[in-house]
Amino acid sequence: MRTLIVLFALLASPKAFAQVPAYWQQRVDFRMVAQLDDQRHRVQGHAQIKYVNNAPDSLAFIWFHCWPNAYKDGKTAFAKQLTNERGGKARLRAMRGKGWIDSLSFLVDGIPAGMEAHPLWNDVVKLNLPKPLHSGDSILIETPFVVQLPTYGSRSGHDGRSYMICQWYPKPAVYDRKGWHPMPYLDRGEFYNDYGSYDVRITLPGSYVVAATGVLQTNDERARYTALGDRNRAVEKLDARYRNDSAQKTLHFVADNVTDFAWFADKDFIIEHDTLARAGAEAVDVFAFHHPTSDEPWQRSCSYIKDALRFYSASLGPYAYPVAQAVEGPRNDMSGGMEYPMITLVTMPGAPDSTLDVVISHEVGHNWFPMMVGSNERNFAWMDEGFNTWYEHMYSAEKYRSFGGANNYGIPDYARNRGADQLRALMYRVLKTLDASRTPINTPSADFRSDEDYGSVEYDKAALWLYALEKEVGKEPLLKAMRRYFEEWKFRHPYPEDFRASLEAALGRDLSAFFARLEAKGPL
């Protein structure tokens, strides 16, 4: 009898009927104007931000990233990270021109709103709202801003009058089901942003070529870029440079369902252009922008982008955007590549065709992870770098019978004549012998002490982990499961437990032991 009473009490309790909270995420839409002063290497801008609160609770404040301040002095989280790196102090000294953002003056629905400095980081501020932002409501946030671009050394800045303008505007931090995610800019450690639309107008001297996230709406300029790119490709010559003698011009770009906006400007960019036809969808415009002194393989860079789009679309799901672009970075870029929605910056001086191809394909692949599937790269780098490296290895093995487009793992020549999957098996055996790191895969990027350890763990070791699952469940079942995961979490913010749940549902098996390896120290 007592058992029945207790059971009835439990069933009568509201907690007994508690539901798993419905998924939600915020939406952040931007309208921005920006003007480049190429004498002072400065951008003057104004942002209008529509912030939609889809959270179940009300917000009293919003954390903002103001990441140009990371380049301000030697006290920032970015500078301290570099100071503790081998060669980092030299990199800081090479950034002769520092960077910053100022002139912020926030209005929220027309009402002045105050800011508070973050207690630890000078590139994060708290915007205190004049009144609570209730669930389901939205506000319009406005502010002017001025950005001093640093000498290029870590993702954003200028190399003379060549501009890489990234992480350049005040941007809300993500608020999701696990809370707020304010974070400082770091050289090693990428990003986490909310989805939204961008409408951006950029004014600058007329002689600049601009490559940016989104679709160029300025029709005469778009026609010039396309015609010049097609002519360069048709006659196979690189001396036809863009020229526009107007003192100033304004270019208009739009993008939807993206997490960021980056742009690049140079007077001497060579433009390559092509299109990728798609069954049942509009063709993708494919652009590459490179320097007159670039290595010869850049002339074929549009074909590399197209091959990557075909491969990832077939492997994961359709490319969601109307434009795909690659931009050659300055020769002092040590990162090799850095991805943004619809566009990537790549520097591989002296690389053969195959290596440049595979690097471009890797960066294009980031449009799937983390651009279309928006995971937190800072905390779970393996959910984009590891996944993408696993796909990159397939691409390279199928197209070049190698890893990375070159025989950089010392694979014997006879093995390169095997089938792609046989070669991958041999390559992963070699890779496993190189796996000496004691750092767990599920380690936040900021906790690594060197780029070498970060790369060997979050790229190679994570790809090896995924390959181990492939051997356990089969390649085709895993590819099918990854397609399901991509479709379930496209334009959303998954966590590792969401990835695991998606795989378990697709594969019909418990993967707890396998996922426990993410936390294991030592080789896999």
Foldseek 3Di string as FASTA:
>chain_A
DVVVVVVVVLVPDPVNVDDDDDFDWKAKAKEKEWEADLVQRKIKMKIKIKIWAQDQFKDQKFKKFQALCQQVDCQAPANVLLVLAVCSVVLNVVQVFGKGKDQWFKDKQNHTWDWAADPRHRRMIMTGDPDIAGNGGIIIMMTIMMMRFICDRAQFHDDNSKGWHFSHDIATFTQGPVGTDDDHDYSFFDFFFAFFKYKYKYKYAPLKDKDKAADWPPVVSVVQLAVQQVVCLVVVDQPDFDGDHHGMDMIIGIDGLWGTMIMIMDNAWRKHWDWADDPPDHIAIEIETEHSPADPLSSCQSVLLNVLQVLCCVLANHQDGRYAYEYEDDQNHPPQKDEGARYIYGHDGPDDNQLNSLSSSLRSQCCLPCTQQRERCQQQVLSRQAVSQLSSLLVCCQPPVDRSRDPVLVDDPVSSPDHSVSSVVVSLVSLLVVFFFQAFLRGGRVPDSYPVNVCSRSHVQSNSLVVVVCVVQNVVLVSVLNNQLSVVRGSHYDDPVSSQVSSCVSRVDHCVVSVVSSHGTTGD
